[in-house]
Amino acid sequence: MYFAVCTADKFDCGNGKCLEMSLLCNYFDNCGDKEVSDEKNCSYPEGEHYVNTFEGLRLRLKVK
């Protein structure tokens, strides 16, 4: 079971990692969870976008 440990000024990735808010919505999976949780609630234009990971992968993110 996971419990949040992030302070209010950080983004909680849901995997134990906390991010600076400035790292959100930058087309990079900063959480490293392959769920791109730090990119999900961004105001990207409609269509397909790609998010890069630390492993060098590109994950497709669809915005409706």
PDB file of N, CA and C in Angstrom:
ATOM      1  N   MET A   1       0.842  -1.178   0.000  1.00  0.00           N
ATOM      2  CA  MET A   1       0.000   0.000   0.000  1.00  0.00           C
ATOM      3  C   MET A   1       0.887   1.241   0.000  1.00  0.00           C
ATOM      4  N   TYR A   2       0.488   2.259  -0.743  1.00  0.00           N
ATOM      5  CA  TYR A   2       1.253   3.494  -0.871  1.00  0.00           C
ATOM      6  C   TYR A   2       0.576   4.623  -0.101  1.00  0.00           C
ATOM      7  N   PHE A   3       1.366   5.385   0.638  1.00  0.00           N
ATOM      8  CA  PHE A   3       0.864   6.554   1.346  1.00  0.00           C
ATOM      9  C   PHE A   3       1.605   7.785   0.848  1.00  0.00           C
ATOM     10  N   ALA A   4       0.882   8.859   0.591  1.00  0.00           N
ATOM     11  CA  ALA A   4       1.483  10.096   0.089  1.00  0.00           C
ATOM     12  C   ALA A   4       2.439  10.681   1.119  1.00  0.00           C
ATOM     13  N   VAL A   5       3.584  11.114   0.642  1.00  0.00           N
ATOM     14  CA  VAL A   5       4.581  11.712   1.523  1.00  0.00           C
ATOM     15  C   VAL A   5       5.010  13.086   1.013  1.00  0.00           C
ATOM     16  N   CYS A   6       4.386  13.563  -0.046  1.00  0.00           N
ATOM     17  CA  CYS A   6       4.783  14.829  -0.656  1.00  0.00           C
ATOM     18  C   CYS A   6       4.218  16.013   0.123  1.00  0.00           C
ATOM     19  N   THR A   7       4.978  17.086   0.126  1.00  0.00           N
ATOM     20  CA  THR A   7       4.483  18.325   0.719  1.00  0.00           C
ATOM     21  C   THR A   7       3.506  18.970  -0.263  1.00  0.00           C
ATOM     22  N   ALA A   8       2.757  19.940   0.201  1.00  0.00           N
ATOM     23  CA  ALA A   8       1.709  20.560  -0.607  1.00  0.00           C
ATOM     24  C   ALA A   8       2.245  21.261  -1.854  1.00  0.00           C
ATOM     25  N   ASP A   9       3.509  21.646  -1.856  1.00  0.00           N
ATOM     26  CA  ASP A   9       4.074  22.346  -3.012  1.00  0.00           C
ATOM     27  C   ASP A   9       4.694  21.398  -4.032  1.00  0.00           C
ATOM     28  N   LYS A  10       4.494  20.089  -3.845  1.00  0.00           N
ATOM     29  CA  LYS A  10       5.034  19.082  -4.759  1.00  0.00           C
ATOM     30  C   LYS A  10       3.902  18.269  -5.372  1.00  0.00           C
ATOM     31  N   PHE A  11       4.168  17.673  -6.540  1.00  0.00           N
ATOM     32  CA  PHE A  11       3.218  16.778  -7.184  1.00  0.00           C
ATOM     33  C   PHE A  11       3.493  15.357  -6.712  1.00  0.00           C
ATOM     34  N   ASP A  12       2.457  14.663  -6.287  1.00  0.00           N
ATOM     35  CA  ASP A  12       2.561  13.276  -5.822  1.00  0.00           C
ATOM     36  C   ASP A  12       2.351  12.345  -7.014  1.00  0.00           C
ATOM     37  N   CYS A  13       3.401  11.644  -7.419  1.00  0.00           N
ATOM     38  CA  CYS A  13       3.334  10.740  -8.573  1.00  0.00           C
ATOM     39  C   CYS A  13       2.489   9.501  -8.308  1.00  0.00           C
ATOM     40  N   GLY A  14       2.267   9.163  -7.057  1.00  0.00           N
ATOM     41  CA  GLY A  14       1.513   7.964  -6.731  1.00  0.00           C
ATOM     42  C   GLY A  14       2.388   6.734  -6.609  1.00  0.00           C
ATOM     43  N   ASN A  15       3.703   6.915  -6.771  1.00  0.00           N
ATOM     44  CA  ASN A  15       4.627   5.783  -6.658  1.00  0.00           C
ATOM     45  C   ASN A  15       5.723   6.066  -5.630  1.00  0.00           C
ATOM     46  N   GLY A  16       5.489   7.057  -4.785  1.00  0.00           N
ATOM     47  CA  GLY A  16       6.465   7.409  -3.763  1.00  0.00           C
ATOM     48  C   GLY A  16       7.389   8.541  -4.168  1.00  0.00           C
ATOM     49  N   LYS A  17       7.289   8.983  -5.404  1.00  0.00           N
ATOM     50  CA  LYS A  17       8.145  10.056  -5.900  1.00  0.00           C
ATOM     51  C   LYS A  17       7.386  11.382  -5.872  1.00  0.00           C
ATOM     52  N   CYS A  18       8.068  12.438  -5.459  1.00  0.00           N
ATOM     53  CA  CYS A  18       7.495  13.778  -5.424  1.00  0.00           C
ATOM     54  C   CYS A  18       8.241  14.647  -6.429  1.00  0.00           C
ATOM     55  N   LEU A  19       7.492  15.458  -7.166  1.00  0.00           N
ATOM     56  CA  LEU A  19       8.096  16.311  -8.197  1.00  0.00           C
ATOM     57  C   LEU A  19       7.856  17.782  -7.914  1.00  0.00           C
ATOM     58  N   GLU A  20       8.809  18.593  -8.342  1.00  0.00           N
ATOM     59  CA  GLU A  20       8.596  20.031  -8.359  1.00  0.00           C
ATOM     60  C   GLU A  20       7.472  20.307  -9.359  1.00  0.00           C
ATOM     61  N   MET A  21       6.625  21.253  -9.085  1.00  0.00           N
ATOM     62  CA  MET A  21       5.516  21.579  -9.979  1.00  0.00           C
ATOM     63  C   MET A  21       6.025  22.030 -11.355  1.00  0.00           C
ATOM     64  N   SER A  22       7.206  22.570 -11.419  1.00  0.00           N
ATOM     65  CA  SER A  22       7.765  23.035 -12.691  1.00  0.00           C
ATOM     66  C   SER A  22       8.067  21.883 -13.650  1.00  0.00           C
ATOM     67  N   LEU A  23       8.072  20.646 -13.158  1.00  0.00           N
ATOM     68  CA  LEU A  23       8.351  19.486 -14.003  1.00  0.00           C
ATOM     69  C   LEU A  23       7.098  18.863 -14.609  1.00  0.00           C
ATOM     70  N   LEU A  24       5.935  19.416 -14.302  1.00  0.00           N
ATOM     71  CA  LEU A  24       4.690  18.899 -14.864  1.00  0.00           C
ATOM     72  C   LEU A  24       4.491  19.421 -16.282  1.00  0.00           C
ATOM     73  N   CYS A  25       3.834  18.618 -17.096  1.00  0.00           N
ATOM     74  CA  CYS A  25       3.416  19.030 -18.453  1.00  0.00           C
ATOM     75  C   CYS A  25       4.587  19.454 -19.332  1.00  0.00           C
ATOM     76  N   ASN A  26       5.665  18.689 -19.297  1.00  0.00           N
ATOM     77  CA  ASN A  26       6.841  19.028 -20.111  1.00  0.00           C
ATOM     78  C   ASN A  26       7.182  17.937 -21.127  1.00  0.00           C
ATOM     79  N   TYR A  27       6.205  17.077 -21.431  1.00  0.00           N
ATOM     80  CA  TYR A  27       6.380  15.985 -22.402  1.00  0.00           C
ATOM     81  C   TYR A  27       7.459  14.990 -21.969  1.00  0.00           C
ATOM     82  N   PHE A  28       7.675  14.843 -20.667  1.00  0.00           N
ATOM     83  CA  PHE A  28       8.639  13.873 -20.144  1.00  0.00           C
ATOM     84  C   PHE A  28       8.022  13.182 -18.939  1.00  0.00           C
ATOM     85  N   ASP A  29       8.160  11.862 -18.870  1.00  0.00           N
ATOM     86  CA  ASP A  29       7.619  11.079 -17.760  1.00  0.00           C
ATOM     87  C   ASP A  29       8.548  11.210 -16.559  1.00  0.00           C
ATOM     88  N   ASN A  30       8.486  12.350 -15.897  1.00  0.00           N
ATOM     89  CA  ASN A  30       9.356  12.620 -14.760  1.00  0.00           C
ATOM     90  C   ASN A  30       9.083  11.696 -13.577  1.00  0.00           C
ATOM     91  N   CYS A  31       7.859  11.195 -13.463  1.00  0.00           N
ATOM     92  CA  CYS A  31       7.533  10.261 -12.382  1.00  0.00           C
ATOM     93  C   CYS A  31       8.183   8.899 -12.612  1.00  0.00           C
ATOM     94  N   GLY A  32       8.455   8.580 -13.875  1.00  0.00           N
ATOM     95  CA  GLY A  32       9.074   7.297 -14.180  1.00  0.00           C
ATOM     96  C   GLY A  32       8.140   6.125 -13.993  1.00  0.00           C
ATOM     97  N   ASP A  33       6.843   6.368 -14.061  1.00  0.00           N
ATOM     98  CA  ASP A  33       5.882   5.296 -13.801  1.00  0.00           C
ATOM     99  C   ASP A  33       5.241   4.726 -15.064  1.00  0.00           C
ATOM    100  N   LYS A  34       5.631   5.216 -16.229  1.00  0.00           N
ATOM    101  CA  LYS A  34       5.081   4.786 -17.517  1.00  0.00           C
ATOM    102  C   LYS A  34       3.570   4.974 -17.599  1.00  0.00           C
ATOM    103  N   GLU A  35       2.972   5.550 -16.576  1.00  0.00           N
ATOM    104  CA  GLU A  35       1.556   5.928 -16.593  1.00  0.00           C
ATOM    105  C   GLU A  35       1.444   7.395 -16.975  1.00  0.00           C
ATOM    106  N   VAL A  36       2.565   8.033 -17.146  1.00  0.00           N
ATOM    107  CA  VAL A  36       2.698   9.471 -17.425  1.00  0.00           C
ATOM    108  C   VAL A  36       1.773  10.300 -16.540  1.00  0.00           C
ATOM    109  N   SER A  37       1.728   9.952 -15.259  1.00  0.00           N
ATOM    110  CA  SER A  37       0.827  10.629 -14.325  1.00  0.00           C
ATOM    111  C   SER A  37       1.120  12.125 -14.207  1.00  0.00           C
ATOM    112  N   ASP A  38       2.359  12.526 -14.440  1.00  0.00           N
ATOM    113  CA  ASP A  38       2.684  13.950 -14.369  1.00  0.00           C
ATOM    114  C   ASP A  38       2.339  14.694 -15.658  1.00  0.00           C
ATOM    115  N   GLU A  39       1.790  13.988 -16.648  1.00  0.00           N
ATOM    116  CA  GLU A  39       1.393  14.596 -17.914  1.00  0.00           C
ATOM    117  C   GLU A  39      -0.102  14.475 -18.182  1.00  0.00           C
ATOM    118  N   LYS A  40      -0.838  13.797 -17.331  1.00  0.00           N
ATOM    119  CA  LYS A  40      -2.242  13.463 -17.614  1.00  0.00           C
ATOM    120  C   LYS A  40      -3.202  14.640 -17.572  1.00  0.00           C
ATOM    121  N   ASN A  41      -3.037  15.571 -16.704  1.00  0.00           N
ATOM    122  CA  ASN A  41      -4.008  16.659 -16.564  1.00  0.00           C
ATOM    123  C   ASN A  41      -3.486  17.966 -17.154  1.00  0.00           C
ATOM    124  N   CYS A  42      -2.764  17.858 -18.238  1.00  0.00           N
ATOM    125  CA  CYS A  42      -2.185  19.023 -18.901  1.00  0.00           C
ATOM    126  C   CYS A  42      -3.133  19.531 -19.986  1.00  0.00           C
ATOM    127  N   SER A  43      -3.005  20.772 -20.329  1.00  0.00           N
ATOM    128  CA  SER A  43      -3.871  21.339 -21.365  1.00  0.00           C
ATOM    129  C   SER A  43      -3.147  21.329 -22.712  1.00  0.00           C
ATOM    130  N   TYR A  44      -2.845  20.116 -23.184  1.00  0.00           N
ATOM    131  CA  TYR A  44      -2.251  19.946 -24.507  1.00  0.00           C
ATOM    132  C   TYR A  44      -3.331  20.127 -25.571  1.00  0.00           C
ATOM    133  N   PRO A  45      -2.943  20.532 -26.767  1.00  0.00           N
ATOM    134  CA  PRO A  45      -3.931  20.598 -27.848  1.00  0.00           C
ATOM    135  C   PRO A  45      -4.465  19.192 -28.156  1.00  0.00           C
ATOM    136  N   GLU A  46      -5.666  19.132 -28.702  1.00  0.00           N
ATOM    137  CA  GLU A  46      -6.272  17.850 -29.046  1.00  0.00           C
ATOM    138  C   GLU A  46      -5.409  17.116 -30.063  1.00  0.00           C
ATOM    139  N   GLY A  47      -5.322  15.798 -29.919  1.00  0.00           N
ATOM    140  CA  GLY A  47      -4.555  14.972 -30.848  1.00  0.00           C
ATOM    141  C   GLY A  47      -3.606  14.044 -30.115  1.00  0.00           C
ATOM    142  N   GLU A  48      -2.647  13.513 -30.842  1.00  0.00           N
ATOM    143  CA  GLU A  48      -1.669  12.599 -30.257  1.00  0.00           C
ATOM    144  C   GLU A  48      -0.374  13.340 -29.959  1.00  0.00           C
ATOM    145  N   HIS A  49       0.185  13.035 -28.814  1.00  0.00           N
ATOM    146  CA  HIS A  49       1.452  13.622 -28.386  1.00  0.00           C
ATOM    147  C   HIS A  49       2.329  12.493 -27.873  1.00  0.00           C
ATOM    148  N   TYR A  50       3.595  12.723 -27.820  1.00  0.00           N
ATOM    149  CA  TYR A  50       4.528  11.703 -27.330  1.00  0.00           C
ATOM    150  C   TYR A  50       5.274  12.223 -26.124  1.00  0.00           C
ATOM    151  N   VAL A  51       5.409  11.340 -25.136  1.00  0.00           N
ATOM    152  CA  VAL A  51       6.091  11.664 -23.891  1.00  0.00           C
ATOM    153  C   VAL A  51       7.329  10.784 -23.812  1.00  0.00           C
ATOM    154  N   ASN A  52       8.465  11.369 -23.531  1.00  0.00           N
ATOM    155  CA  ASN A  52       9.723  10.626 -23.417  1.00  0.00           C
ATOM    156  C   ASN A  52       9.908  10.104 -21.998  1.00  0.00           C
ATOM    157  N   THR A  53      10.617   8.980 -21.870  1.00  0.00           N
ATOM    158  CA  THR A  53      10.896   8.386 -20.571  1.00  0.00           C
ATOM    159  C   THR A  53      12.403   8.357 -20.322  1.00  0.00           C
ATOM    160  N   PHE A  54      12.774   8.093 -19.090  1.00  0.00           N
ATOM    161  CA  PHE A  54      14.184   7.980 -18.729  1.00  0.00           C
ATOM    162  C   PHE A  54      14.869   6.835 -19.473  1.00  0.00           C
ATOM    163  N   GLU A  55      14.096   5.812 -19.840  1.00  0.00           N
ATOM    164  CA  GLU A  55      14.651   4.649 -20.534  1.00  0.00           C
ATOM    165  C   GLU A  55      14.809   4.889 -22.031  1.00  0.00           C
ATOM    166  N   GLY A  56      14.451   6.072 -22.504  1.00  0.00           N
ATOM    167  CA  GLY A  56      14.555   6.381 -23.920  1.00  0.00           C
ATOM    168  C   GLY A  56      13.338   5.961 -24.726  1.00  0.00           C
ATOM    169  N   LEU A  57      12.270   5.569 -24.049  1.00  0.00           N
ATOM    170  CA  LEU A  57      11.036   5.190 -24.729  1.00  0.00           C
ATOM    171  C   LEU A  57      10.216   6.431 -25.055  1.00  0.00           C
ATOM    172  N   ARG A  58       9.350   6.307 -26.037  1.00  0.00           N
ATOM    173  CA  ARG A  58       8.384   7.361 -26.349  1.00  0.00           C
ATOM    174  C   ARG A  58       6.998   6.785 -26.151  1.00  0.00           C
ATOM    175  N   LEU A  59       6.241   7.336 -25.253  1.00  0.00           N
ATOM    176  CA  LEU A  59       4.892   6.861 -24.967  1.00  0.00           C
ATOM    177  C   LEU A  59       3.878   7.789 -25.626  1.00  0.00           C
ATOM    178  N   ARG A  60       2.871   7.201 -26.259  1.00  0.00           N
ATOM    179  CA  ARG A  60       1.834   7.988 -26.929  1.00  0.00           C
ATOM    180  C   ARG A  60       0.805   8.435 -25.914  1.00  0.00           C
ATOM    181  N   LEU A  61       0.425   9.693 -25.996  1.00  0.00           N
ATOM    182  CA  LEU A  61      -0.572  10.276 -25.124  1.00  0.00           C
ATOM    183  C   LEU A  61      -1.636  10.891 -26.006  1.00  0.00           C
ATOM    184  N   LYS A  62      -2.878  10.376 -25.908  1.00  0.00           N
ATOM    185  CA  LYS A  62      -3.982  10.904 -26.727  1.00  0.00           C
ATOM    186  C   LYS A  62      -4.771  11.914 -25.924  1.00  0.00           C
ATOM    187  N   VAL A  63      -5.052  13.051 -26.539  1.00  0.00           N
ATOM    188  CA  VAL A  63      -5.852  14.106 -25.906  1.00  0.00           C
ATOM    189  C   VAL A  63      -7.126  14.259 -26.722  1.00  0.00           C
ATOM    190  N   LYS A  64      -8.267  14.157 -26.056  1.00  0.00           N
ATOM    191  CA  LYS A  64      -9.568  14.282 -26.740  1.00  0.00           C
ATOM    192  C   LYS A  64     -10.184  15.617 -26.450  1.00  0.00           C
TER     193      LYS A  64
END
